[in-house]
Amino acid sequence: MKELIDFTPREKWLINYYRDRPVSGGGRGLAGPIFFTVVPLICVALFFWQGEPAWIFVGYALLLYRTAHTLWSSILYTPSFSNIFEKYEAKLKELEAAQKTTN
């Protein structure tokens, strides 16, 4: 069956990812942000409790990693999301124009 809209492989992957609720929704989507918020706070608490400066560096490294990962994901996927929406809008306009000509 021919697809109505031609998407790149990355765009298809993003569409399928967000279409599948068990994979993209709910607790799984919150696990990363919660982990990278709670664990650095635990590291700070351990620093104050034990007085060991290494805990601050570990907590900071985790926050830095999360920030870099979020930035990289934004740079990588934002153009694909924009293209998906543009293609859907163009197809909707095409279908609306076809419907107006048949009426």
PDB file of N, CA and C in Angstrom:
ATOM      1  N   MET A   1       0.830  -1.182   0.000  1.00  0.00           N
ATOM      2  CA  MET A   1       0.000   0.000   0.000  1.00  0.00           C
ATOM      3  C   MET A   1       0.881   1.254   0.000  1.00  0.00           C
ATOM      4  N   LYS A   2       0.554   2.186  -0.857  1.00  0.00           N
ATOM      5  CA  LYS A   2       1.339   3.414  -0.952  1.00  0.00           C
ATOM      6  C   LYS A   2       0.990   4.349   0.207  1.00  0.00           C
ATOM      7  N   GLU A   3       2.029   4.929   0.792  1.00  0.00           N
ATOM      8  CA  GLU A   3       1.812   5.872   1.881  1.00  0.00           C
ATOM      9  C   GLU A   3       1.270   7.185   1.328  1.00  0.00           C
ATOM     10  N   LEU A   4       0.418   7.831   2.116  1.00  0.00           N
ATOM     11  CA  LEU A   4      -0.142   9.106   1.692  1.00  0.00           C
ATOM     12  C   LEU A   4       0.886  10.229   1.747  1.00  0.00           C
ATOM     13  N   ILE A   5       1.785  10.160   2.724  1.00  0.00           N
ATOM     14  CA  ILE A   5       2.820  11.173   2.893  1.00  0.00           C
ATOM     15  C   ILE A   5       4.168  10.465   2.959  1.00  0.00           C
ATOM     16  N   ASP A   6       5.139  10.978   2.239  1.00  0.00           N
ATOM     17  CA  ASP A   6       6.478  10.398   2.273  1.00  0.00           C
ATOM     18  C   ASP A   6       7.266  10.983   3.441  1.00  0.00           C
ATOM     19  N   PHE A   7       7.608  10.133   4.387  1.00  0.00           N
ATOM     20  CA  PHE A   7       8.402  10.541   5.533  1.00  0.00           C
ATOM     21  C   PHE A   7       9.784   9.917   5.450  1.00  0.00           C
ATOM     22  N   THR A   8      10.753  10.607   6.035  1.00  0.00           N
ATOM     23  CA  THR A   8      12.100  10.048   6.137  1.00  0.00           C
ATOM     24  C   THR A   8      12.079   8.953   7.209  1.00  0.00           C
ATOM     25  N   PRO A   9      13.098   8.106   7.246  1.00  0.00           N
ATOM     26  CA  PRO A   9      13.138   7.067   8.289  1.00  0.00           C
ATOM     27  C   PRO A   9      13.088   7.641   9.715  1.00  0.00           C
ATOM     28  N   ARG A  10      13.769   8.741   9.966  1.00  0.00           N
ATOM     29  CA  ARG A  10      13.740   9.348  11.301  1.00  0.00           C
ATOM     30  C   ARG A  10      12.331   9.853  11.628  1.00  0.00           C
ATOM     31  N   GLU A  11      11.669  10.466  10.652  1.00  0.00           N
ATOM     32  CA  GLU A  11      10.310  10.947  10.873  1.00  0.00           C
ATOM     33  C   GLU A  11       9.358   9.782  11.141  1.00  0.00           C
ATOM     34  N   LYS A  12       9.522   8.691  10.401  1.00  0.00           N
ATOM     35  CA  LYS A  12       8.693   7.501  10.641  1.00  0.00           C
ATOM     36  C   LYS A  12       8.939   6.953  12.041  1.00  0.00           C
ATOM     37  N   TRP A  13      10.198   6.936  12.468  1.00  0.00           N
ATOM     38  CA  TRP A  13      10.525   6.438  13.798  1.00  0.00           C
ATOM     39  C   TRP A  13       9.862   7.296  14.869  1.00  0.00           C
ATOM     40  N   LEU A  14       9.923   8.626  14.710  1.00  0.00           N
ATOM     41  CA  LEU A  14       9.304   9.520  15.689  1.00  0.00           C
ATOM     42  C   LEU A  14       7.788   9.340  15.732  1.00  0.00           C
ATOM     43  N   ILE A  15       7.171   9.219  14.570  1.00  0.00           N
ATOM     44  CA  ILE A  15       5.716   9.025  14.517  1.00  0.00           C
ATOM     45  C   ILE A  15       5.336   7.723  15.203  1.00  0.00           C
ATOM     46  N   ASN A  16       6.033   6.649  14.894  1.00  0.00           N
ATOM     47  CA  ASN A  16       5.725   5.358  15.514  1.00  0.00           C
ATOM     48  C   ASN A  16       5.997   5.368  17.009  1.00  0.00           C
ATOM     49  N   TYR A  17       7.041   6.059  17.430  1.00  0.00           N
ATOM     50  CA  TYR A  17       7.364   6.141  18.857  1.00  0.00           C
ATOM     51  C   TYR A  17       6.228   6.815  19.629  1.00  0.00           C
ATOM     52  N   TYR A  18       5.757   7.938  19.137  1.00  0.00           N
ATOM     53  CA  TYR A  18       4.716   8.668  19.858  1.00  0.00           C
ATOM     54  C   TYR A  18       3.327   8.074  19.645  1.00  0.00           C
ATOM     55  N   ARG A  19       3.154   7.260  18.631  1.00  0.00           N
ATOM     56  CA  ARG A  19       1.885   6.569  18.417  1.00  0.00           C
ATOM     57  C   ARG A  19       1.704   5.418  19.406  1.00  0.00           C
ATOM     58  N   ASP A  20       2.811   4.839  19.854  1.00  0.00           N
ATOM     59  CA  ASP A  20       2.785   3.687  20.760  1.00  0.00           C
ATOM     60  C   ASP A  20       2.791   4.177  22.208  1.00  0.00           C
ATOM     61  N   ARG A  21       1.605   4.246  22.820  1.00  0.00           N
ATOM     62  CA  ARG A  21       1.452   4.779  24.174  1.00  0.00           C
ATOM     63  C   ARG A  21       2.285   4.058  25.236  1.00  0.00           C
ATOM     64  N   PRO A  22       2.344   2.726  25.260  1.00  0.00           N
ATOM     65  CA  PRO A  22       3.144   2.077  26.307  1.00  0.00           C
ATOM     66  C   PRO A  22       4.623   2.453  26.249  1.00  0.00           C
ATOM     67  N   VAL A  23       5.115   2.787  25.067  1.00  0.00           N
ATOM     68  CA  VAL A  23       6.534   3.133  24.934  1.00  0.00           C
ATOM     69  C   VAL A  23       6.780   4.600  25.285  1.00  0.00           C
ATOM     70  N   SER A  24       5.939   5.509  24.794  1.00  0.00           N
ATOM     71  CA  SER A  24       6.228   6.934  24.929  1.00  0.00           C
ATOM     72  C   SER A  24       5.499   7.628  26.065  1.00  0.00           C
ATOM     73  N   GLY A  25       4.445   7.040  26.588  1.00  0.00           N
ATOM     74  CA  GLY A  25       3.635   7.771  27.551  1.00  0.00           C
ATOM     75  C   GLY A  25       3.838   7.322  28.980  1.00  0.00           C
ATOM     76  N   GLY A  26       3.145   8.023  29.851  1.00  0.00           N
ATOM     77  CA  GLY A  26       3.069   7.643  31.250  1.00  0.00           C
ATOM     78  C   GLY A  26       4.369   7.716  32.018  1.00  0.00           C
ATOM     79  N   GLY A  27       4.546   6.730  32.902  1.00  0.00           N
ATOM     80  CA  GLY A  27       5.692   6.706  33.806  1.00  0.00           C
ATOM     81  C   GLY A  27       7.021   6.600  33.105  1.00  0.00           C
ATOM     82  N   ARG A  28       7.036   5.934  31.961  1.00  0.00           N
ATOM     83  CA  ARG A  28       8.308   5.791  31.259  1.00  0.00           C
ATOM     84  C   ARG A  28       8.855   7.144  30.807  1.00  0.00           C
ATOM     85  N   GLY A  29       7.957   8.030  30.426  1.00  0.00           N
ATOM     86  CA  GLY A  29       8.383   9.364  30.014  1.00  0.00           C
ATOM     87  C   GLY A  29       8.884  10.213  31.164  1.00  0.00           C
ATOM     88  N   LEU A  30       8.453   9.893  32.379  1.00  0.00           N
ATOM     89  CA  LEU A  30       8.874  10.654  33.551  1.00  0.00           C
ATOM     90  C   LEU A  30      10.077  10.056  34.260  1.00  0.00           C
ATOM     91  N   ALA A  31      10.422   8.835  33.946  1.00  0.00           N
ATOM     92  CA  ALA A  31      11.497   8.144  34.656  1.00  0.00           C
ATOM     93  C   ALA A  31      12.835   8.892  34.544  1.00  0.00           C
ATOM     94  N   GLY A  32      13.182   9.319  33.354  1.00  0.00           N
ATOM     95  CA  GLY A  32      14.460  10.020  33.154  1.00  0.00           C
ATOM     96  C   GLY A  32      14.539  11.331  33.912  1.00  0.00           C
ATOM     97  N   PRO A  33      13.554  12.233  33.732  1.00  0.00           N
ATOM     98  CA  PRO A  33      13.616  13.497  34.475  1.00  0.00           C
ATOM     99  C   PRO A  33      13.605  13.308  35.990  1.00  0.00           C
ATOM    100  N   ILE A  34      12.831  12.348  36.471  1.00  0.00           N
ATOM    101  CA  ILE A  34      12.805  12.108  37.917  1.00  0.00           C
ATOM    102  C   ILE A  34      14.161  11.594  38.389  1.00  0.00           C
ATOM    103  N   PHE A  35      14.732  10.641  37.659  1.00  0.00           N
ATOM    104  CA  PHE A  35      16.039  10.092  38.034  1.00  0.00           C
ATOM    105  C   PHE A  35      17.098  11.179  38.079  1.00  0.00           C
ATOM    106  N   PHE A  36      17.138  12.006  37.024  1.00  0.00           N
ATOM    107  CA  PHE A  36      18.185  13.024  36.945  1.00  0.00           C
ATOM    108  C   PHE A  36      17.887  14.245  37.800  1.00  0.00           C
ATOM    109  N   THR A  37      16.794  14.228  38.539  1.00  0.00           N
ATOM    110  CA  THR A  37      16.528  15.259  39.540  1.00  0.00           C
ATOM    111  C   THR A  37      16.799  14.735  40.940  1.00  0.00           C
ATOM    112  N   VAL A  38      16.332  13.520  41.204  1.00  0.00           N
ATOM    113  CA  VAL A  38      16.447  12.955  42.549  1.00  0.00           C
ATOM    114  C   VAL A  38      17.883  12.542  42.878  1.00  0.00           C
ATOM    115  N   VAL A  39      18.553  11.884  41.958  1.00  0.00           N
ATOM    116  CA  VAL A  39      19.898  11.377  42.245  1.00  0.00           C
ATOM    117  C   VAL A  39      20.894  12.514  42.527  1.00  0.00           C
ATOM    118  N   PRO A  40      20.915  13.608  41.743  1.00  0.00           N
ATOM    119  CA  PRO A  40      21.818  14.697  42.135  1.00  0.00           C
ATOM    120  C   PRO A  40      21.481  15.299  43.509  1.00  0.00           C
ATOM    121  N   LEU A  41      20.193  15.343  43.850  1.00  0.00           N
ATOM    122  CA  LEU A  41      19.826  15.836  45.181  1.00  0.00           C
ATOM    123  C   LEU A  41      20.344  14.893  46.275  1.00  0.00           C
ATOM    124  N   ILE A  42      20.296  13.600  46.000  1.00  0.00           N
ATOM    125  CA  ILE A  42      20.858  12.625  46.943  1.00  0.00           C
ATOM    126  C   ILE A  42      22.367  12.827  47.068  1.00  0.00           C
ATOM    127  N   CYS A  43      23.020  13.114  45.946  1.00  0.00           N
ATOM    128  CA  CYS A  43      24.468  13.375  45.987  1.00  0.00           C
ATOM    129  C   CYS A  43      24.791  14.604  46.831  1.00  0.00           C
ATOM    130  N   VAL A  44      23.978  15.656  46.707  1.00  0.00           N
ATOM    131  CA  VAL A  44      24.184  16.854  47.527  1.00  0.00           C
ATOM    132  C   VAL A  44      23.993  16.523  48.998  1.00  0.00           C
ATOM    133  N   ALA A  45      22.952  15.732  49.306  1.00  0.00           N
ATOM    134  CA  ALA A  45      22.718  15.328  50.701  1.00  0.00           C
ATOM    135  C   ALA A  45      23.894  14.522  51.226  1.00  0.00           C
ATOM    136  N   LEU A  46      24.431  13.628  50.402  1.00  0.00           N
ATOM    137  CA  LEU A  46      25.592  12.838  50.828  1.00  0.00           C
ATOM    138  C   LEU A  46      26.818  13.724  51.055  1.00  0.00           C
ATOM    139  N   PHE A  47      26.955  14.768  50.231  1.00  0.00           N
ATOM    140  CA  PHE A  47      28.065  15.711  50.434  1.00  0.00           C
ATOM    141  C   PHE A  47      27.965  16.365  51.806  1.00  0.00           C
ATOM    142  N   PHE A  48      26.761  16.852  52.156  1.00  0.00           N
ATOM    143  CA  PHE A  48      26.605  17.507  53.460  1.00  0.00           C
ATOM    144  C   PHE A  48      26.700  16.516  54.608  1.00  0.00           C
ATOM    145  N   TRP A  49      26.268  15.291  54.378  1.00  0.00           N
ATOM    146  CA  TRP A  49      26.291  14.284  55.441  1.00  0.00           C
ATOM    147  C   TRP A  49      27.703  13.748  55.676  1.00  0.00           C
ATOM    148  N   GLN A  50      28.430  13.436  54.562  1.00  0.00           N
ATOM    149  CA  GLN A  50      29.762  12.842  54.691  1.00  0.00           C
ATOM    150  C   GLN A  50      30.889  13.860  54.567  1.00  0.00           C
ATOM    151  N   GLY A  51      30.606  15.012  53.977  1.00  0.00           N
ATOM    152  CA  GLY A  51      31.644  16.018  53.792  1.00  0.00           C
ATOM    153  C   GLY A  51      32.617  15.671  52.676  1.00  0.00           C
ATOM    154  N   GLU A  52      32.264  14.746  51.821  1.00  0.00           N
ATOM    155  CA  GLU A  52      33.139  14.298  50.724  1.00  0.00           C
ATOM    156  C   GLU A  52      32.793  15.094  49.455  1.00  0.00           C
ATOM    157  N   PRO A  53      33.726  15.903  48.943  1.00  0.00           N
ATOM    158  CA  PRO A  53      33.437  16.737  47.771  1.00  0.00           C
ATOM    159  C   PRO A  53      33.150  15.941  46.490  1.00  0.00           C
ATOM    160  N   ALA A  54      33.536  14.695  46.443  1.00  0.00           N
ATOM    161  CA  ALA A  54      33.292  13.896  45.231  1.00  0.00           C
ATOM    162  C   ALA A  54      31.799  13.788  44.927  1.00  0.00           C
ATOM    163  N   TRP A  55      30.970  13.801  45.967  1.00  0.00           N
ATOM    164  CA  TRP A  55      29.524  13.693  45.742  1.00  0.00           C
ATOM    165  C   TRP A  55      28.983  14.885  44.961  1.00  0.00           C
ATOM    166  N   ILE A  56      29.510  16.056  45.226  1.00  0.00           N
ATOM    167  CA  ILE A  56      29.077  17.247  44.474  1.00  0.00           C
ATOM    168  C   ILE A  56      29.449  17.102  43.008  1.00  0.00           C
ATOM    169  N   PHE A  57      30.639  16.591  42.732  1.00  0.00           N
ATOM    170  CA  PHE A  57      31.072  16.408  41.348  1.00  0.00           C
ATOM    171  C   PHE A  57      30.203  15.371  40.628  1.00  0.00           C
ATOM    172  N   VAL A  58      29.839  14.306  41.320  1.00  0.00           N
ATOM    173  CA  VAL A  58      28.974  13.292  40.718  1.00  0.00           C
ATOM    174  C   VAL A  58      27.598  13.891  40.407  1.00  0.00           C
ATOM    175  N   GLY A  59      27.042  14.614  41.371  1.00  0.00           N
ATOM    176  CA  GLY A  59      25.739  15.252  41.152  1.00  0.00           C
ATOM    177  C   GLY A  59      25.787  16.246  40.007  1.00  0.00           C
ATOM    178  N   TYR A  60      26.852  17.052  39.971  1.00  0.00           N
ATOM    179  CA  TYR A  60      27.007  18.028  38.890  1.00  0.00           C
ATOM    180  C   TYR A  60      27.186  17.331  37.546  1.00  0.00           C
ATOM    181  N   ALA A  61      27.946  16.254  37.517  1.00  0.00           N
ATOM    182  CA  ALA A  61      28.151  15.507  36.267  1.00  0.00           C
ATOM    183  C   ALA A  61      26.826  14.948  35.749  1.00  0.00           C
ATOM    184  N   LEU A  62      25.983  14.458  36.646  1.00  0.00           N
ATOM    185  CA  LEU A  62      24.673  13.944  36.223  1.00  0.00           C
ATOM    186  C   LEU A  62      23.797  15.053  35.653  1.00  0.00           C
ATOM    187  N   LEU A  63      23.794  16.206  36.301  1.00  0.00           N
ATOM    188  CA  LEU A  63      23.023  17.335  35.781  1.00  0.00           C
ATOM    189  C   LEU A  63      23.563  17.817  34.441  1.00  0.00           C
ATOM    190  N   LEU A  64      24.881  17.854  34.328  1.00  0.00           N
ATOM    191  CA  LEU A  64      25.509  18.269  33.074  1.00  0.00           C
ATOM    192  C   LEU A  64      25.187  17.282  31.956  1.00  0.00           C
ATOM    193  N   TYR A  65      25.228  15.977  32.263  1.00  0.00           N
ATOM    194  CA  TYR A  65      24.882  14.971  31.270  1.00  0.00           C
ATOM    195  C   TYR A  65      23.432  15.142  30.807  1.00  0.00           C
ATOM    196  N   ARG A  66      22.523  15.329  31.752  1.00  0.00           N
ATOM    197  CA  ARG A  66      21.106  15.477  31.400  1.00  0.00           C
ATOM    198  C   ARG A  66      20.884  16.711  30.526  1.00  0.00           C
ATOM    199  N   THR A  67      21.541  17.802  30.864  1.00  0.00           N
ATOM    200  CA  THR A  67      21.418  19.025  30.072  1.00  0.00           C
ATOM    201  C   THR A  67      21.959  18.819  28.665  1.00  0.00           C
ATOM    202  N   ALA A  68      23.125  18.189  28.554  1.00  0.00           N
ATOM    203  CA  ALA A  68      23.714  17.930  27.235  1.00  0.00           C
ATOM    204  C   ALA A  68      22.838  16.988  26.419  1.00  0.00           C
ATOM    205  N   HIS A  69      22.295  15.966  27.058  1.00  0.00           N
ATOM    206  CA  HIS A  69      21.425  15.012  26.362  1.00  0.00           C
ATOM    207  C   HIS A  69      20.159  15.696  25.858  1.00  0.00           C
ATOM    208  N   THR A  70      19.561  16.531  26.680  1.00  0.00           N
ATOM    209  CA  THR A  70      18.354  17.257  26.278  1.00  0.00           C
ATOM    210  C   THR A  70      18.654  18.215  25.129  1.00  0.00           C
ATOM    211  N   LEU A  71      19.762  18.916  25.208  1.00  0.00           N
ATOM    212  CA  LEU A  71      20.152  19.839  24.142  1.00  0.00           C
ATOM    213  C   LEU A  71      20.405  19.091  22.839  1.00  0.00           C
ATOM    214  N   TRP A  72      21.129  17.987  22.915  1.00  0.00           N
ATOM    215  CA  TRP A  72      21.437  17.195  21.722  1.00  0.00           C
ATOM    216  C   TRP A  72      20.155  16.640  21.096  1.00  0.00           C
ATOM    217  N   SER A  73      19.240  16.146  21.921  1.00  0.00           N
ATOM    218  CA  SER A  73      17.971  15.623  21.406  1.00  0.00           C
ATOM    219  C   SER A  73      17.170  16.726  20.725  1.00  0.00           C
ATOM    220  N   SER A  74      17.173  17.911  21.301  1.00  0.00           N
ATOM    221  CA  SER A  74      16.465  19.035  20.692  1.00  0.00           C
ATOM    222  C   SER A  74      17.057  19.393  19.336  1.00  0.00           C
ATOM    223  N   ILE A  75      18.362  19.443  19.267  1.00  0.00           N
ATOM    224  CA  ILE A  75      19.024  19.759  17.998  1.00  0.00           C
ATOM    225  C   ILE A  75      18.735  18.681  16.961  1.00  0.00           C
ATOM    226  N   LEU A  76      18.705  17.433  17.391  1.00  0.00           N
ATOM    227  CA  LEU A  76      18.540  16.312  16.476  1.00  0.00           C
ATOM    228  C   LEU A  76      17.099  16.154  15.980  1.00  0.00           C
ATOM    229  N   TYR A  77      16.123  16.321  16.879  1.00  0.00           N
ATOM    230  CA  TYR A  77      14.744  15.973  16.526  1.00  0.00           C
ATOM    231  C   TYR A  77      13.843  17.151  16.181  1.00  0.00           C
ATOM    232  N   THR A  78      14.178  18.361  16.548  1.00  0.00           N
ATOM    233  CA  THR A  78      13.313  19.498  16.246  1.00  0.00           C
ATOM    234  C   THR A  78      13.074  19.681  14.752  1.00  0.00           C
ATOM    235  N   PRO A  79      14.090  19.586  13.889  1.00  0.00           N
ATOM    236  CA  PRO A  79      13.810  19.710  12.457  1.00  0.00           C
ATOM    237  C   PRO A  79      12.879  18.609  11.945  1.00  0.00           C
ATOM    238  N   SER A  80      13.014  17.402  12.478  1.00  0.00           N
ATOM    239  CA  SER A  80      12.144  16.304  12.041  1.00  0.00           C
ATOM    240  C   SER A  80      10.702  16.557  12.448  1.00  0.00           C
ATOM    241  N   PHE A  81      10.496  17.045  13.676  1.00  0.00           N
ATOM    242  CA  PHE A  81       9.131  17.370  14.111  1.00  0.00           C
ATOM    243  C   PHE A  81       8.534  18.461  13.230  1.00  0.00           C
ATOM    244  N   SER A  82       9.319  19.481  12.910  1.00  0.00           N
ATOM    245  CA  SER A  82       8.833  20.557  12.046  1.00  0.00           C
ATOM    246  C   SER A  82       8.434  20.017  10.680  1.00  0.00           C
ATOM    247  N   ASN A  83       9.267  19.136  10.121  1.00  0.00           N
ATOM    248  CA  ASN A  83       8.955  18.550   8.817  1.00  0.00           C
ATOM    249  C   ASN A  83       7.690  17.706   8.862  1.00  0.00           C
ATOM    250  N   ILE A  84       7.497  16.952   9.937  1.00  0.00           N
ATOM    251  CA  ILE A  84       6.293  16.128  10.072  1.00  0.00           C
ATOM    252  C   ILE A  84       5.056  17.018  10.042  1.00  0.00           C
ATOM    253  N   PHE A  85       5.060  18.088  10.839  1.00  0.00           N
ATOM    254  CA  PHE A  85       3.904  18.972  10.889  1.00  0.00           C
ATOM    255  C   PHE A  85       3.670  19.678   9.554  1.00  0.00           C
ATOM    256  N   GLU A  86       4.742  20.097   8.895  1.00  0.00           N
ATOM    257  CA  GLU A  86       4.596  20.745   7.592  1.00  0.00           C
ATOM    258  C   GLU A  86       3.994  19.785   6.568  1.00  0.00           C
ATOM    259  N   LYS A  87       4.445  18.536   6.575  1.00  0.00           N
ATOM    260  CA  LYS A  87       3.922  17.551   5.628  1.00  0.00           C
ATOM    261  C   LYS A  87       2.459  17.237   5.903  1.00  0.00           C
ATOM    262  N   TYR A  88       2.087  17.111   7.176  1.00  0.00           N
ATOM    263  CA  TYR A  88       0.685  16.871   7.521  1.00  0.00           C
ATOM    264  C   TYR A  88      -0.187  18.055   7.097  1.00  0.00           C
ATOM    265  N   GLU A  89       0.274  19.271   7.360  1.00  0.00           N
ATOM    266  CA  GLU A  89      -0.501  20.454   6.983  1.00  0.00           C
ATOM    267  C   GLU A  89      -0.655  20.553   5.475  1.00  0.00           C
ATOM    268  N   ALA A  90       0.405  20.271   4.730  1.00  0.00           N
ATOM    269  CA  ALA A  90       0.327  20.313   3.274  1.00  0.00           C
ATOM    270  C   ALA A  90      -0.667  19.262   2.755  1.00  0.00           C
ATOM    271  N   LYS A  91      -0.645  18.068   3.337  1.00  0.00           N
ATOM    272  CA  LYS A  91      -1.567  17.014   2.917  1.00  0.00           C
ATOM    273  C   LYS A  91      -3.005  17.375   3.267  1.00  0.00           C
ATOM    274  N   LEU A  92      -3.222  17.973   4.442  1.00  0.00           N
ATOM    275  CA  LEU A  92      -4.567  18.417   4.819  1.00  0.00           C
ATOM    276  C   LEU A  92      -5.094  19.470   3.857  1.00  0.00           C
ATOM    277  N   LYS A  93      -4.258  20.432   3.489  1.00  0.00           N
ATOM    278  CA  LYS A  93      -4.673  21.460   2.522  1.00  0.00           C
ATOM    279  C   LYS A  93      -5.008  20.832   1.174  1.00  0.00           C
ATOM    280  N   GLU A  94      -4.209  19.866   0.769  1.00  0.00           N
ATOM    281  CA  GLU A  94      -4.457  19.159  -0.496  1.00  0.00           C
ATOM    282  C   GLU A  94      -5.782  18.427  -0.451  1.00  0.00           C
ATOM    283  N   LEU A  95      -6.060  17.741   0.638  1.00  0.00           N
ATOM    284  CA  LEU A  95      -7.321  17.004   0.767  1.00  0.00           C
ATOM    285  C   LEU A  95      -8.508  17.937   0.872  1.00  0.00           C
ATOM    286  N   GLU A  96      -8.368  19.073   1.563  1.00  0.00           N
ATOM    287  CA  GLU A  96      -9.446  20.053   1.636  1.00  0.00           C
ATOM    288  C   GLU A  96      -9.744  20.643   0.261  1.00  0.00           C
ATOM    289  N   ALA A  97      -8.700  20.936  -0.504  1.00  0.00           N
ATOM    290  CA  ALA A  97      -8.893  21.468  -1.856  1.00  0.00           C
ATOM    291  C   ALA A  97      -9.586  20.436  -2.730  1.00  0.00           C
ATOM    292  N   ALA A  98      -9.217  19.184  -2.610  1.00  0.00           N
ATOM    293  CA  ALA A  98      -9.857  18.115  -3.396  1.00  0.00           C
ATOM    294  C   ALA A  98     -11.318  17.962  -3.000  1.00  0.00           C
ATOM    295  N   GLN A  99     -11.605  18.104  -1.724  1.00  0.00           N
ATOM    296  CA  GLN A  99     -12.990  17.970  -1.247  1.00  0.00           C
ATOM    297  C   GLN A  99     -13.842  19.142  -1.744  1.00  0.00           C
ATOM    298  N   LYS A 100     -13.279  20.339  -1.773  1.00  0.00           N
ATOM    299  CA  LYS A 100     -14.028  21.513  -2.251  1.00  0.00           C
ATOM    300  C   LYS A 100     -14.362  21.396  -3.736  1.00  0.00           C
ATOM    301  N   THR A 101     -13.451  20.815  -4.506  1.00  0.00           N
ATOM    302  CA  THR A 101     -13.705  20.680  -5.939  1.00  0.00           C
ATOM    303  C   THR A 101     -14.762  19.612  -6.228  1.00  0.00           C
ATOM    304  N   THR A 102     -14.913  18.628  -5.341  1.00  0.00           N
ATOM    305  CA  THR A 102     -15.926  17.591  -5.565  1.00  0.00           C
ATOM    306  C   THR A 102     -17.304  18.035  -5.112  1.00  0.00           C
ATOM    307  N   ASN A 103     -17.368  19.050  -4.249  1.00  0.00           N
ATOM    308  CA  ASN A 103     -18.677  19.539  -3.759  1.00  0.00           C
ATOM    309  C   ASN A 103     -19.229  20.613  -4.607  1.00  0.00           C
TER     310      ASN A 103
END
